[in-house]
Amino acid sequence: MLRSPANSLLDSALNEDALLSCFPSLQTSVGVDRRGFERLLRSLEVGKTPISQYSALTYLRASDDLPAAEFKQLVLAIAAKSGGYDEAIEILEMRLVRGSNRGQDSETEVLNAGRELLRGYRFHHVQDLEDFHLGQVALHCLIAESDAEIAREMCCRLRESTVNHEATADRYDHLLSALLALQPKAALDGLFAEAPESNWRPRRGRSELGFFRVRPFDFVELDLLMEWCEEDPSARFPLAASGVAPFEVDTEKMPTTWSPVALRLLVNAPDRIAVAQHLIANFSPISSWGSRADVIEASGRLLDDLGQFQDEALNHYLAQEKERLAHAVEEERKTDRWTDIERDDRFE
């Protein structure tokens, strides 16, 4: 309980523009009780405090003792202000991460605050730290079966925002990872199942939505992924093949064996050639580590392992791909030799 003089000074601060500019720091320096909560709401109503100042609520466990219902009201009030969404997400995340009773009835309103913030989130060209905070809030709040709809809606909005160039999916890897881990079917439906075909049709081994820094399907348990694909097998098996790692790698990042998910997709798919096309499209490394020729060559050797399927059409396609990959390796080695020659010439 604050002493009366402190309460009087903080009450008076709400009438001083110079003190309003840093009022959240003044209040949190002595904690946030019921009267402090009311003052913070008042400062938001007055509107003379820069919204960034409310980040003070993340420090010193300032709002941890505030009852969950009042905390929710305060966080949503901050989020409603222009520029306040990021501050609200971070304040909420800190309480969730520090809390020891995640999901318990006493914190239900805190979880509900997270659900409301996530449900209303507008995707944009985000910075990594904001994506991290969103992912943490999702991990703590979207834990019930009923939260699947929030995950589905968020993934739908992310897809639409990406297609409209309002956001890029690759900037939301923490959030996507959380949604796919907690609510995999709903997240997959939102990203792909409910999209117009042109928005997610595999192309060049990737979804047109794609630009993911994470592989969405790698976060989904294998049996569940197969169930999801079986709902629309002609479309979803190739789609999944375009978004999984086709092979396991060794410590040198060289392909060694087919990944379990790639093999399951080939086993279960009604059109194995369509799946193989998208798996093979991912053979060529995108990043610059190591020799591209070595990676493509090692990947090509994995095609020999697919004879186990005894599928004549598939084997004919694989034979053609082996020839194509052998030619690609030869061209890559030529490029490597010319690069070495040019580099040596520069240093002579």
Protein backbone atom coordinates (compact mmCIF):
# COMPACT_ATOMS: atom_id res chain seq x y z
CA MET A 1 0.00 0.00 0.00
CA LEU A 2 1.42 3.36 -1.02
CA ARG A 3 1.72 6.05 1.60
CA SER A 4 -0.74 8.92 1.17
CA PRO A 5 1.97 11.46 0.17
CA ALA A 6 3.02 9.24 -2.74
CA ASN A 7 -0.56 8.88 -3.88
CA SER A 8 -1.03 12.65 -3.67
CA LEU A 9 2.12 13.33 -5.71
CA LEU A 10 1.12 10.84 -8.42
CA ASP A 11 -2.42 12.23 -8.55
CA SER A 12 -0.98 15.70 -9.01
CA ALA A 13 1.36 14.48 -11.75
CA LEU A 14 -1.64 13.78 -13.98
CA ASN A 15 -2.23 17.53 -14.13
CA GLU A 16 1.34 18.44 -15.11
CA ASP A 17 2.24 18.10 -18.78
CA ALA A 18 5.94 17.78 -17.99
CA LEU A 19 5.27 14.86 -15.67
CA LEU A 20 2.66 13.26 -17.95
CA SER A 21 5.38 12.77 -20.55
CA CYS A 22 6.99 10.19 -18.27
CA PHE A 23 4.08 9.25 -16.02
CA PRO A 24 4.24 5.45 -16.49
CA SER A 25 7.81 5.45 -15.19
CA LEU A 26 6.76 7.47 -12.16
CA GLN A 27 3.89 5.11 -11.40
CA THR A 28 5.80 1.86 -11.94
CA SER A 29 8.65 3.05 -9.72
CA VAL A 30 6.35 2.40 -6.77
CA GLY A 31 4.36 -0.48 -8.26
CA VAL A 32 0.88 -0.61 -9.74
CA ASP A 33 -1.96 -1.14 -7.29
CA ARG A 34 -5.63 -0.34 -7.83
CA ARG A 35 -5.08 3.42 -7.66
CA GLY A 36 -2.03 3.13 -9.90
CA PHE A 37 -4.10 1.20 -12.43
CA GLU A 38 -6.72 3.95 -12.43
CA ARG A 39 -4.05 6.62 -12.89
CA LEU A 40 -2.55 4.78 -15.86
CA LEU A 41 -5.97 4.54 -17.48
CA ARG A 42 -6.44 8.25 -16.85
CA SER A 43 -3.10 9.06 -18.44
CA LEU A 44 -4.18 7.14 -21.54
CA GLU A 45 -7.42 9.12 -21.66
CA VAL A 46 -5.58 12.44 -21.35
CA GLY A 47 -3.40 11.39 -24.28
CA LYS A 48 -0.32 13.47 -23.50
CA THR A 49 1.97 10.55 -22.66
CA PRO A 50 4.02 9.11 -25.55
CA ILE A 51 2.81 5.57 -26.05
CA SER A 52 6.36 4.21 -25.89
CA GLN A 53 6.53 5.31 -22.24
CA TYR A 54 4.15 2.50 -21.26
CA SER A 55 6.96 0.00 -21.86
CA ALA A 56 7.89 0.90 -18.26
CA LEU A 57 5.26 -1.69 -17.32
CA THR A 58 7.65 -4.42 -18.46
CA TYR A 59 10.26 -3.44 -15.88
CA LEU A 60 10.71 -4.54 -12.27
CA ARG A 61 7.63 -6.80 -12.40
CA ALA A 62 5.69 -3.56 -12.04
CA SER A 63 2.28 -4.92 -13.05
CA ASP A 64 2.62 -8.50 -11.79
CA ASP A 65 0.48 -7.88 -8.71
CA LEU A 66 -2.30 -6.22 -10.67
CA PRO A 67 -5.38 -8.50 -10.75
CA ALA A 68 -5.78 -10.30 -14.06
CA ALA A 69 -9.02 -8.54 -15.06
CA GLU A 70 -7.53 -5.08 -14.46
CA PHE A 71 -4.30 -6.05 -16.21
CA LYS A 72 -6.30 -7.14 -19.24
CA GLN A 73 -8.23 -3.85 -19.29
CA LEU A 74 -5.00 -1.85 -19.10
CA VAL A 75 -3.23 -3.83 -21.83
CA LEU A 76 -6.17 -3.55 -24.21
CA ALA A 77 -6.45 0.18 -23.51
CA ILE A 78 -2.77 0.60 -24.44
CA ALA A 79 -3.26 -1.50 -27.58
CA ALA A 80 -6.18 0.70 -28.64
CA LYS A 81 -3.93 3.76 -28.85
CA SER A 82 -2.08 4.63 -32.04
CA GLY A 83 1.24 2.79 -31.96
CA GLY A 84 0.27 0.99 -28.78
CA TYR A 85 -0.10 -2.53 -30.12
CA ASP A 86 3.59 -3.38 -29.94
CA GLU A 87 3.83 -2.02 -26.40
CA ALA A 88 0.78 -4.01 -25.31
CA ILE A 89 2.15 -7.26 -26.79
CA GLU A 90 5.48 -6.80 -25.02
CA ILE A 91 3.86 -5.93 -21.67
CA LEU A 92 1.63 -8.98 -21.91
CA GLU A 93 4.51 -11.23 -22.95
CA MET A 94 6.58 -10.25 -19.93
CA ARG A 95 3.75 -11.10 -17.54
CA LEU A 96 3.12 -14.42 -19.29
CA VAL A 97 6.78 -15.43 -19.34
CA ARG A 98 7.31 -14.48 -15.70
CA GLY A 99 4.09 -16.11 -14.53
CA SER A 100 4.28 -19.54 -12.94
CA ASN A 101 0.58 -20.39 -13.30
CA ARG A 102 0.07 -20.41 -17.06
CA GLY A 103 -3.45 -21.48 -17.93
CA GLN A 104 -4.75 -21.51 -14.35
CA ASP A 105 -8.10 -19.89 -13.59
CA SER A 106 -6.48 -16.98 -11.77
CA GLU A 107 -4.77 -15.91 -15.00
CA THR A 108 -7.61 -16.68 -17.41
CA GLU A 109 -8.19 -13.00 -18.08
CA VAL A 110 -4.51 -12.52 -18.88
CA LEU A 111 -4.75 -15.35 -21.42
CA ASN A 112 -7.91 -13.79 -22.81
CA ALA A 113 -6.08 -10.51 -23.26
CA GLY A 114 -3.53 -12.36 -25.37
CA ARG A 115 -6.29 -13.99 -27.41
CA GLU A 116 -7.92 -10.62 -28.09
CA LEU A 117 -4.63 -9.03 -29.11
CA LEU A 118 -3.79 -11.89 -31.46
CA ARG A 119 -7.28 -11.95 -32.94
CA GLY A 120 -7.05 -8.24 -33.76
CA TYR A 121 -3.45 -8.19 -34.98
CA ARG A 122 -2.86 -6.51 -38.35
CA PHE A 123 0.05 -7.95 -40.30
CA HIS A 124 2.60 -5.54 -41.69
CA HIS A 125 6.31 -5.36 -42.50
CA VAL A 126 7.37 -6.39 -39.04
CA GLN A 127 10.70 -6.33 -37.20
CA ASP A 128 12.15 -9.53 -35.74
CA LEU A 129 11.65 -8.50 -32.11
CA GLU A 130 7.92 -7.89 -32.57
CA ASP A 131 7.59 -11.30 -34.24
CA PHE A 132 9.37 -12.88 -31.26
CA HIS A 133 6.96 -11.24 -28.79
CA LEU A 134 3.96 -12.37 -30.86
CA GLY A 135 5.28 -15.92 -30.93
CA GLN A 136 5.70 -15.95 -27.16
CA VAL A 137 2.18 -14.65 -26.59
CA ALA A 138 0.78 -17.29 -28.95
CA LEU A 139 2.70 -20.08 -27.21
CA HIS A 140 1.23 -19.11 -23.86
CA CYS A 141 -2.31 -18.19 -24.90
CA LEU A 142 -3.45 -20.40 -27.80
CA ILE A 143 -3.39 -23.61 -25.79
CA ALA A 144 -7.06 -24.64 -25.81
CA GLU A 145 -8.93 -26.50 -28.54
CA SER A 146 -11.19 -23.48 -28.90
CA ASP A 147 -8.16 -21.37 -29.84
CA ALA A 148 -7.86 -23.18 -33.18
CA GLU A 149 -10.15 -20.62 -34.79
CA ILE A 150 -7.83 -17.76 -33.77
CA ALA A 151 -4.88 -19.60 -35.30
CA ARG A 152 -6.80 -20.24 -38.51
CA GLU A 153 -7.92 -16.60 -38.78
CA MET A 154 -4.39 -15.31 -38.15
CA CYS A 155 -2.94 -17.56 -40.84
CA CYS A 156 -5.66 -16.48 -43.29
CA ARG A 157 -4.82 -12.82 -42.62
CA LEU A 158 -1.11 -13.46 -42.97
CA ARG A 159 -1.66 -15.17 -46.31
CA GLU A 160 -3.86 -12.34 -47.58
CA SER A 161 -1.46 -9.67 -46.33
CA THR A 162 1.42 -11.43 -48.07
CA VAL A 163 -0.47 -11.76 -51.35
CA ASN A 164 -1.37 -8.04 -51.14
CA HIS A 165 2.27 -7.10 -50.37
CA GLU A 166 1.27 -5.64 -47.00
CA ALA A 167 3.51 -8.10 -45.16
CA THR A 168 5.96 -10.90 -45.89
CA ALA A 169 5.53 -14.32 -44.35
CA ASP A 170 9.26 -14.76 -43.77
CA ARG A 171 9.22 -12.03 -41.11
CA TYR A 172 6.80 -14.00 -38.93
CA ASP A 173 8.73 -17.21 -38.39
CA HIS A 174 8.40 -17.20 -34.57
CA LEU A 175 4.66 -16.61 -34.76
CA LEU A 176 4.16 -19.20 -37.51
CA SER A 177 6.22 -21.74 -35.60
CA ALA A 178 4.02 -21.25 -32.53
CA LEU A 179 0.75 -21.46 -34.47
CA LEU A 180 1.82 -24.60 -36.33
CA ALA A 181 3.11 -26.27 -33.17
CA LEU A 182 -0.01 -25.55 -31.08
CA GLN A 183 -2.82 -25.60 -33.66
CA PRO A 184 -1.33 -27.38 -36.69
CA LYS A 185 -4.45 -28.30 -38.64
CA ALA A 186 -6.08 -24.91 -38.16
CA ALA A 187 -2.85 -23.14 -39.14
CA LEU A 188 -2.42 -25.26 -42.27
CA ASP A 189 -6.05 -24.66 -43.25
CA GLY A 190 -5.60 -20.93 -42.82
CA LEU A 191 -2.37 -20.80 -44.79
CA PHE A 192 -3.31 -23.12 -47.61
CA ALA A 193 -6.67 -24.91 -47.60
CA GLU A 194 -8.86 -21.82 -47.76
CA ALA A 195 -6.66 -19.90 -50.19
CA PRO A 196 -7.57 -19.42 -53.84
CA GLU A 197 -5.61 -22.01 -55.81
CA SER A 198 -3.36 -19.41 -57.44
CA ASN A 199 -2.25 -18.21 -54.00
CA TRP A 200 -0.70 -21.47 -52.87
CA ARG A 201 -0.14 -23.66 -55.91
CA PRO A 202 3.40 -25.10 -55.71
CA ARG A 203 5.73 -23.42 -58.15
CA ARG A 204 9.45 -24.10 -58.52
CA GLY A 205 9.33 -26.21 -55.40
CA ARG A 206 7.74 -23.53 -53.24
CA SER A 207 4.33 -22.24 -52.43
CA GLU A 208 3.54 -18.91 -54.05
CA LEU A 209 2.68 -17.70 -50.56
CA GLY A 210 6.04 -18.90 -49.41
CA PHE A 211 9.13 -16.78 -48.66
CA PHE A 212 9.12 -18.62 -45.33
CA ARG A 213 12.30 -18.70 -43.31
CA VAL A 214 10.77 -21.73 -41.62
CA ARG A 215 9.31 -24.75 -43.44
CA PRO A 216 5.66 -24.77 -42.30
CA PHE A 217 5.12 -28.50 -42.73
CA ASP A 218 8.19 -29.41 -40.68
CA PHE A 219 6.38 -28.22 -37.54
CA VAL A 220 3.47 -30.61 -38.00
CA GLU A 221 3.49 -34.13 -36.55
CA LEU A 222 3.91 -36.61 -39.40
CA ASP A 223 0.68 -38.59 -38.97
CA LEU A 224 -1.35 -35.40 -38.66
CA LEU A 225 0.27 -34.03 -41.81
CA MET A 226 -0.69 -37.18 -43.69
CA GLU A 227 -4.29 -36.85 -42.46
CA TRP A 228 -4.37 -33.25 -43.64
CA CYS A 229 -3.01 -34.21 -47.06
CA GLU A 230 -5.56 -37.02 -47.43
CA GLU A 231 -8.39 -34.47 -47.24
CA ASP A 232 -7.41 -33.22 -50.72
CA PRO A 233 -4.68 -35.60 -51.88
CA SER A 234 -4.15 -34.42 -55.46
CA ALA A 235 -3.43 -30.87 -54.27
CA ARG A 236 -1.99 -31.28 -50.79
CA PHE A 237 0.61 -34.00 -51.27
CA PRO A 238 2.53 -31.95 -53.88
CA LEU A 239 2.00 -28.83 -51.76
CA ALA A 240 3.49 -30.50 -48.70
CA ALA A 241 6.39 -31.84 -50.79
CA SER A 242 7.19 -28.27 -51.85
CA GLY A 243 7.54 -27.18 -48.22
CA VAL A 244 9.50 -29.92 -46.44
CA ALA A 245 13.18 -30.73 -46.22
CA PRO A 246 13.68 -33.54 -48.77
CA PHE A 247 16.72 -35.08 -47.08
CA GLU A 248 18.73 -35.39 -43.90
CA VAL A 249 22.19 -33.81 -43.87
CA ASP A 250 25.49 -34.58 -42.14
CA THR A 251 27.70 -32.19 -40.19
CA GLU A 252 29.02 -30.81 -43.49
CA LYS A 253 25.42 -30.10 -44.60
CA MET A 254 25.67 -32.75 -47.30
CA PRO A 255 22.58 -34.87 -48.11
CA THR A 256 22.77 -38.39 -46.68
CA THR A 257 19.27 -39.95 -46.67
CA TRP A 258 15.72 -39.05 -47.54
CA SER A 259 13.85 -37.35 -44.72
CA PRO A 260 11.08 -39.43 -43.08
CA VAL A 261 8.41 -36.95 -44.18
CA ALA A 262 9.59 -37.05 -47.82
CA LEU A 263 9.36 -40.84 -47.88
CA ARG A 264 5.90 -40.84 -46.27
CA LEU A 265 4.67 -38.36 -48.85
CA LEU A 266 5.95 -40.59 -51.65
CA VAL A 267 4.43 -43.69 -50.08
CA ASN A 268 0.97 -42.17 -49.55
CA ALA A 269 0.62 -39.83 -52.53
CA PRO A 270 -1.74 -40.80 -55.35
CA ASP A 271 0.63 -39.08 -57.81
CA ARG A 272 4.22 -39.90 -56.83
CA ILE A 273 5.70 -38.07 -59.79
CA ALA A 274 4.07 -34.79 -58.69
CA VAL A 275 5.54 -35.24 -55.20
CA ALA A 276 8.96 -36.21 -56.56
CA GLN A 277 9.02 -33.10 -58.76
CA HIS A 278 8.68 -30.80 -55.79
CA LEU A 279 11.10 -32.74 -53.60
CA ILE A 280 13.74 -32.67 -56.34
CA ALA A 281 13.13 -28.95 -56.91
CA ASN A 282 14.51 -28.45 -53.39
CA PHE A 283 17.76 -30.28 -54.18
CA SER A 284 19.54 -27.13 -55.35
CA PRO A 285 20.84 -25.17 -52.35
CA ILE A 286 19.59 -21.61 -52.03
CA SER A 287 22.31 -20.40 -49.66
CA SER A 288 25.95 -20.19 -50.60
CA TRP A 289 27.42 -22.70 -48.14
CA GLY A 290 29.69 -25.32 -49.69
CA SER A 291 29.77 -26.34 -53.32
CA ARG A 292 26.43 -26.33 -55.11
CA ALA A 293 27.73 -29.02 -57.42
CA ASP A 294 28.60 -31.32 -54.50
CA VAL A 295 25.19 -30.84 -52.89
CA ILE A 296 23.29 -31.46 -56.13
CA GLU A 297 25.43 -34.50 -56.88
CA ALA A 298 24.89 -36.00 -53.43
CA SER A 299 21.17 -35.27 -53.66
CA GLY A 300 20.98 -36.95 -57.05
CA ARG A 301 22.41 -40.16 -55.64
CA LEU A 302 19.38 -40.37 -53.34
CA LEU A 303 17.19 -41.00 -56.39
CA ASP A 304 18.61 -44.52 -56.56
CA ASP A 305 16.89 -45.27 -53.24
CA LEU A 306 13.44 -44.72 -54.77
CA GLY A 307 13.56 -47.91 -56.81
CA GLN A 308 11.89 -49.53 -53.80
CA PHE A 309 8.51 -48.26 -55.00
CA GLN A 310 8.53 -50.46 -58.12
CA ASP A 311 6.59 -47.75 -59.93
CA GLU A 312 7.36 -47.84 -63.66
CA ALA A 313 6.19 -44.29 -64.37
CA LEU A 314 8.11 -42.95 -61.38
CA ASN A 315 11.27 -44.84 -62.37
CA HIS A 316 11.09 -43.42 -65.91
CA TYR A 317 10.77 -39.90 -64.51
CA LEU A 318 13.65 -40.47 -62.08
CA ALA A 319 15.91 -41.69 -64.89
CA GLN A 320 15.29 -38.43 -66.74
CA GLU A 321 15.96 -36.44 -63.58
CA LYS A 322 19.26 -38.23 -63.01
CA GLU A 323 20.43 -37.15 -66.45
CA ARG A 324 19.28 -33.58 -65.84
CA LEU A 325 20.98 -33.41 -62.45
CA ALA A 326 24.21 -34.86 -63.89
CA HIS A 327 24.19 -32.08 -66.48
CA ALA A 328 23.46 -29.49 -63.77
CA VAL A 329 26.43 -30.75 -61.75
CA GLU A 330 28.68 -30.46 -64.80
CA GLU A 331 27.54 -26.87 -65.41
CA GLU A 332 28.06 -25.96 -61.76
CA ARG A 333 31.60 -27.33 -61.84
CA LYS A 334 32.35 -25.28 -64.95
CA THR A 335 31.10 -22.19 -63.13
CA ASP A 336 33.25 -23.06 -60.11
CA ARG A 337 36.34 -23.43 -62.33
CA TRP A 338 35.79 -20.07 -64.03
CA THR A 339 35.22 -18.44 -60.65
CA ASP A 340 38.51 -19.89 -59.37
CA ILE A 341 40.35 -18.66 -62.47
CA GLU A 342 38.94 -15.14 -62.15
CA ARG A 343 39.81 -15.03 -58.46
CA ASP A 344 43.37 -16.21 -59.10
CA ASP A 345 43.79 -13.62 -61.85
CA ARG A 346 42.75 -10.83 -59.50
CA PHE A 347 45.47 -11.79 -57.02
CA GLU A 348 48.30 -12.13 -59.55
